[in-house]
Amino acid sequence: MNIAMLDGPVFWALVALLCFGTTIGLIVFLVTSLVNKKNGTAATQSIPAAPGSRIFQFSRNGTPVGNFPEGAVPQLIANGQILPDDDCWTQGMASWQKVSAQPNWQRS
């Protein structure tokens, strides 16, 4: 490649294409984020689990809410991040169940 080519119209055309592509990518990301936030489909959350702790998956109206260790669930319920009507599942359960059906997580 001739180094003199980097000082001409080809170089500036490549720079313009790179900037245009980056701008389009950023716009798509921002629009997608705003649409997801408006529709309540923001990215799911998770909290690191202690070794040996069971991880539960949570879903609200068919939309994933997040994956959380069993020990963190009572606080998440108290904070309103997980609702009694949400569905939950962990390995070993036959099917998804309502959070309110779990005896360990009943509000006192």
Protein backbone atom coordinates (compact mmCIF):
# COMPACT_ATOMS: atom_id res chain seq x y z
CA MET A 1 0.00 0.00 0.00
CA ASN A 2 1.34 3.37 -0.96
CA ILE A 3 1.52 5.69 2.05
CA ALA A 4 0.61 8.62 -0.18
CA MET A 5 -2.89 7.12 -0.61
CA LEU A 6 -3.60 7.90 3.05
CA ASP A 7 -3.52 11.59 2.27
CA GLY A 8 -6.09 11.61 -0.51
CA PRO A 9 -9.77 11.20 -1.20
CA VAL A 10 -9.69 7.42 -0.64
CA PHE A 11 -8.53 7.94 2.94
CA TRP A 12 -11.26 10.48 3.67
CA ALA A 13 -13.88 8.27 2.04
CA LEU A 14 -12.86 5.42 4.37
CA VAL A 15 -13.00 7.74 7.40
CA ALA A 16 -16.47 8.96 6.36
CA LEU A 17 -17.75 5.38 5.95
CA LEU A 18 -16.36 4.39 9.34
CA CYS A 19 -17.99 7.37 11.05
CA PHE A 20 -21.30 6.80 9.23
CA GLY A 21 -21.37 3.12 10.23
CA THR A 22 -20.55 3.92 13.84
CA THR A 23 -23.26 6.58 13.96
CA ILE A 24 -25.88 4.25 12.51
CA GLY A 25 -24.92 1.54 15.01
CA LEU A 26 -25.23 3.97 17.92
CA ILE A 27 -28.63 5.20 16.71
CA VAL A 28 -29.93 1.62 16.39
CA PHE A 29 -28.68 0.80 19.90
CA LEU A 30 -30.31 3.89 21.44
CA VAL A 31 -33.63 3.39 19.67
CA THR A 32 -33.71 -0.29 20.67
CA SER A 33 -32.95 0.62 24.29
CA LEU A 34 -35.72 3.22 24.36
CA VAL A 35 -38.27 0.86 22.80
CA ASN A 36 -37.37 -1.90 25.26
CA LYS A 37 -37.65 0.50 28.19
CA LYS A 38 -41.04 1.78 26.98
CA ASN A 39 -42.34 -1.78 26.51
CA GLY A 40 -41.00 -2.90 29.87
CA THR A 41 -38.66 -5.41 28.26
CA ALA A 42 -35.40 -4.10 29.63
CA ALA A 43 -32.52 -6.51 29.97
CA THR A 44 -32.85 -9.14 32.64
CA GLN A 45 -30.92 -8.86 35.86
CA SER A 46 -28.90 -11.32 37.85
CA ILE A 47 -27.08 -11.46 41.16
CA PRO A 48 -24.00 -13.65 41.68
CA ALA A 49 -24.78 -16.77 43.69
CA ALA A 50 -22.82 -18.39 46.46
CA PRO A 51 -21.41 -21.81 45.55
CA GLY A 52 -24.08 -24.48 45.99
CA SER A 53 -26.94 -21.98 45.99
CA ARG A 54 -29.93 -22.68 43.75
CA ILE A 55 -30.53 -20.14 40.99
CA PHE A 56 -34.13 -19.28 40.20
CA GLN A 57 -35.34 -17.82 36.92
CA PHE A 58 -38.17 -15.29 37.13
CA SER A 59 -40.65 -14.23 34.50
CA ARG A 60 -43.42 -11.59 34.48
CA ASN A 61 -46.19 -12.04 31.89
CA GLY A 62 -43.88 -14.22 29.81
CA THR A 63 -41.01 -11.70 29.86
CA PRO A 64 -37.80 -12.71 31.69
CA VAL A 65 -37.15 -10.65 34.84
CA GLY A 66 -33.84 -12.18 35.85
CA ASN A 67 -31.93 -15.03 37.47
CA PHE A 68 -31.37 -14.78 41.22
CA PRO A 69 -29.98 -17.01 43.97
CA GLU A 70 -32.58 -18.39 46.34
CA GLY A 71 -31.21 -16.43 49.32
CA ALA A 72 -31.68 -13.06 47.57
CA VAL A 73 -35.34 -13.63 46.68
CA PRO A 74 -36.98 -12.49 49.98
CA GLN A 75 -35.25 -9.10 49.73
CA LEU A 76 -36.19 -8.78 46.05
CA ILE A 77 -39.83 -9.48 46.96
CA ALA A 78 -39.69 -6.93 49.80
CA ASN A 79 -38.26 -4.33 47.37
CA GLY A 80 -40.96 -5.07 44.80
CA GLN A 81 -38.49 -6.25 42.15
CA ILE A 82 -40.15 -9.66 42.18
CA LEU A 83 -43.93 -9.77 42.54
CA PRO A 84 -46.04 -12.55 44.09
CA ASP A 85 -47.74 -13.09 40.71
CA ASP A 86 -44.41 -13.56 38.86
CA ASP A 87 -43.48 -17.04 37.70
CA CYS A 88 -40.36 -18.84 38.90
CA TRP A 89 -38.45 -21.96 38.01
CA THR A 90 -35.25 -23.70 39.06
CA GLN A 91 -33.58 -26.93 38.17
CA GLY A 92 -35.51 -29.85 39.63
CA MET A 93 -38.95 -28.19 39.41
CA ALA A 94 -41.43 -29.94 37.11
CA SER A 95 -42.83 -26.65 35.80
CA TRP A 96 -42.97 -22.90 36.35
CA GLN A 97 -44.84 -21.85 39.50
CA LYS A 98 -46.08 -18.57 40.95
CA VAL A 99 -43.77 -16.92 43.46
CA SER A 100 -46.71 -16.77 45.89
CA ALA A 101 -46.85 -20.61 45.83
CA GLN A 102 -43.35 -20.91 47.28
CA PRO A 103 -43.60 -21.45 51.06
CA ASN A 104 -40.07 -20.16 51.78
CA TRP A 105 -40.90 -16.75 50.31
CA GLN A 106 -44.21 -15.99 52.01
CA ARG A 107 -44.42 -12.46 53.42
CA SER A 108 -44.78 -12.36 57.18
